[in-house]
Amino acid sequence: MAKHTHNFVETFNGFWGYGMDRQSDENMVQVCLQKFSDDKLMSIMLKRMTDEDLSDMFEIISRLLKKHLSEPEYHRLFLKDED
């Protein structure tokens, strides 16, 4: 059974835009992140990203995870630890 899901982008049919209100902003960020992480897109993007791009992306993701998740949440939700 797959551990990761990207269902939101497959079913979302709301407003596609940013800056209107908090809920629309959250929806748009989720859609963009799920579309961005698509395996086919990533196979192209990662090859074209500079070392600085890769470092920036990793730093942003790491910073947000540390800021918004407790250590148990990080292990359960991000790492998908079974324990």
C-alpha atoms as a PDB file:
ATOM      1  CA  MET A   1       0.000   0.000   0.000  1.00  0.00           C
ATOM      2  CA  ALA A   2       1.328   3.449  -0.907  1.00  0.00           C
ATOM      3  CA  LYS A   3       2.355   5.685   1.975  1.00  0.00           C
ATOM      4  CA  HIS A   4       2.100   8.980   0.100  1.00  0.00           C
ATOM      5  CA  THR A   5      -0.984  10.627  -1.326  1.00  0.00           C
ATOM      6  CA  HIS A   6      -1.659  13.473  -3.707  1.00  0.00           C
ATOM      7  CA  ASN A   7      -5.445  13.293  -3.846  1.00  0.00           C
ATOM      8  CA  PHE A   8      -6.208  16.980  -3.361  1.00  0.00           C
ATOM      9  CA  VAL A   9      -4.846  18.023  -6.747  1.00  0.00           C
ATOM     10  CA  GLU A  10      -6.857  15.263  -8.422  1.00  0.00           C
ATOM     11  CA  THR A  11     -10.190  16.370  -6.966  1.00  0.00           C
ATOM     12  CA  PHE A  12      -9.850  20.136  -6.435  1.00  0.00           C
ATOM     13  CA  ASN A  13     -12.236  22.137  -8.606  1.00  0.00           C
ATOM     14  CA  GLY A  14     -12.233  25.446  -6.754  1.00  0.00           C
ATOM     15  CA  PHE A  15     -10.697  28.838  -7.449  1.00  0.00           C
ATOM     16  CA  TRP A  16      -7.206  28.682  -8.987  1.00  0.00           C
ATOM     17  CA  GLY A  17      -5.509  31.785  -7.722  1.00  0.00           C
ATOM     18  CA  TYR A  18      -3.579  33.331  -4.891  1.00  0.00           C
ATOM     19  CA  GLY A  19      -4.211  36.441  -2.823  1.00  0.00           C
ATOM     20  CA  MET A  20      -7.989  36.396  -2.545  1.00  0.00           C
ATOM     21  CA  ASP A  21      -8.352  34.915   0.959  1.00  0.00           C
ATOM     22  CA  ARG A  22      -6.611  32.487   3.303  1.00  0.00           C
ATOM     23  CA  GLN A  23      -8.545  29.371   2.196  1.00  0.00           C
ATOM     24  CA  SER A  24      -7.910  30.064  -1.501  1.00  0.00           C
ATOM     25  CA  ASP A  25      -4.215  30.650  -0.722  1.00  0.00           C
ATOM     26  CA  GLU A  26      -3.967  27.339   1.160  1.00  0.00           C
ATOM     27  CA  ASN A  27      -5.729  25.520  -1.674  1.00  0.00           C
ATOM     28  CA  MET A  28      -3.452  27.035  -4.308  1.00  0.00           C
ATOM     29  CA  VAL A  29      -0.275  26.204  -2.369  1.00  0.00           C
ATOM     30  CA  GLN A  30      -1.436  22.604  -1.919  1.00  0.00           C
ATOM     31  CA  VAL A  31      -2.305  22.263  -5.619  1.00  0.00           C
ATOM     32  CA  CYS A  32       1.013  23.800  -6.705  1.00  0.00           C
ATOM     33  CA  LEU A  33       3.088  21.643  -4.365  1.00  0.00           C
ATOM     34  CA  GLN A  34       1.333  18.457  -5.438  1.00  0.00           C
ATOM     35  CA  LYS A  35       1.687  19.326  -9.116  1.00  0.00           C
ATOM     36  CA  PHE A  36       5.323  20.365  -8.596  1.00  0.00           C
ATOM     37  CA  SER A  37       6.214  17.082  -6.879  1.00  0.00           C
ATOM     38  CA  ASP A  38       4.884  14.970  -9.754  1.00  0.00           C
ATOM     39  CA  ASP A  39       7.503  12.345 -10.638  1.00  0.00           C
ATOM     40  CA  LYS A  40       7.621  13.241 -14.350  1.00  0.00           C
ATOM     41  CA  LEU A  41       7.974  16.960 -13.678  1.00  0.00           C
ATOM     42  CA  MET A  42      10.616  16.368 -10.990  1.00  0.00           C
ATOM     43  CA  SER A  43      12.668  14.180 -13.330  1.00  0.00           C
ATOM     44  CA  ILE A  44      13.036  17.210 -15.615  1.00  0.00           C
ATOM     45  CA  MET A  45      13.181  20.018 -13.045  1.00  0.00           C
ATOM     46  CA  LEU A  46      15.828  18.437 -10.815  1.00  0.00           C
ATOM     47  CA  LYS A  47      18.224  18.005 -13.729  1.00  0.00           C
ATOM     48  CA  ARG A  48      17.816  21.701 -14.624  1.00  0.00           C
ATOM     49  CA  MET A  49      18.065  23.134 -11.123  1.00  0.00           C
ATOM     50  CA  THR A  50      21.378  24.598 -10.041  1.00  0.00           C
ATOM     51  CA  ASP A  51      23.146  23.486  -6.883  1.00  0.00           C
ATOM     52  CA  GLU A  52      21.909  26.729  -5.324  1.00  0.00           C
ATOM     53  CA  ASP A  53      18.307  25.965  -6.385  1.00  0.00           C
ATOM     54  CA  LEU A  54      18.534  22.510  -4.813  1.00  0.00           C
ATOM     55  CA  SER A  55      20.015  23.913  -1.611  1.00  0.00           C
ATOM     56  CA  ASP A  56      17.368  26.661  -1.418  1.00  0.00           C
ATOM     57  CA  MET A  57      14.555  24.169  -1.913  1.00  0.00           C
ATOM     58  CA  PHE A  58      15.928  21.799   0.707  1.00  0.00           C
ATOM     59  CA  GLU A  59      16.448  24.644   3.191  1.00  0.00           C
ATOM     60  CA  ILE A  60      12.911  26.004   2.728  1.00  0.00           C
ATOM     61  CA  ILE A  61      11.334  22.578   3.192  1.00  0.00           C
ATOM     62  CA  SER A  62      13.519  21.772   6.213  1.00  0.00           C
ATOM     63  CA  ARG A  63      12.827  25.132   7.851  1.00  0.00           C
ATOM     64  CA  LEU A  64       9.051  24.790   7.421  1.00  0.00           C
ATOM     65  CA  LEU A  65       9.023  21.225   8.734  1.00  0.00           C
ATOM     66  CA  LYS A  66      11.031  22.225  11.818  1.00  0.00           C
ATOM     67  CA  LYS A  67       8.870  25.294  12.424  1.00  0.00           C
ATOM     68  CA  HIS A  68       5.444  23.684  12.095  1.00  0.00           C
ATOM     69  CA  LEU A  69       5.814  20.039  13.158  1.00  0.00           C
ATOM     70  CA  SER A  70       6.735  18.494  16.452  1.00  0.00           C
ATOM     71  CA  GLU A  71       9.324  15.722  16.290  1.00  0.00           C
ATOM     72  CA  PRO A  72       6.670  12.966  16.585  1.00  0.00           C
ATOM     73  CA  GLU A  73       4.604  14.642  13.831  1.00  0.00           C
ATOM     74  CA  TYR A  74       7.710  14.906  11.648  1.00  0.00           C
ATOM     75  CA  HIS A  75       8.361  11.177  12.013  1.00  0.00           C
ATOM     76  CA  ARG A  76       4.744  10.157  11.558  1.00  0.00           C
ATOM     77  CA  LEU A  77       3.658  12.580   8.812  1.00  0.00           C
ATOM     78  CA  PHE A  78       6.821  13.340   6.847  1.00  0.00           C
ATOM     79  CA  LEU A  79       9.048  10.306   7.332  1.00  0.00           C
ATOM     80  CA  LYS A  80       6.041   7.960   7.489  1.00  0.00           C
ATOM     81  CA  ASP A  81       7.631   5.988  10.316  1.00  0.00           C
ATOM     82  CA  GLU A  82       5.509   3.015  11.232  1.00  0.00           C
ATOM     83  CA  ASP A  83       6.408   3.071  14.943  1.00  0.00           C
END
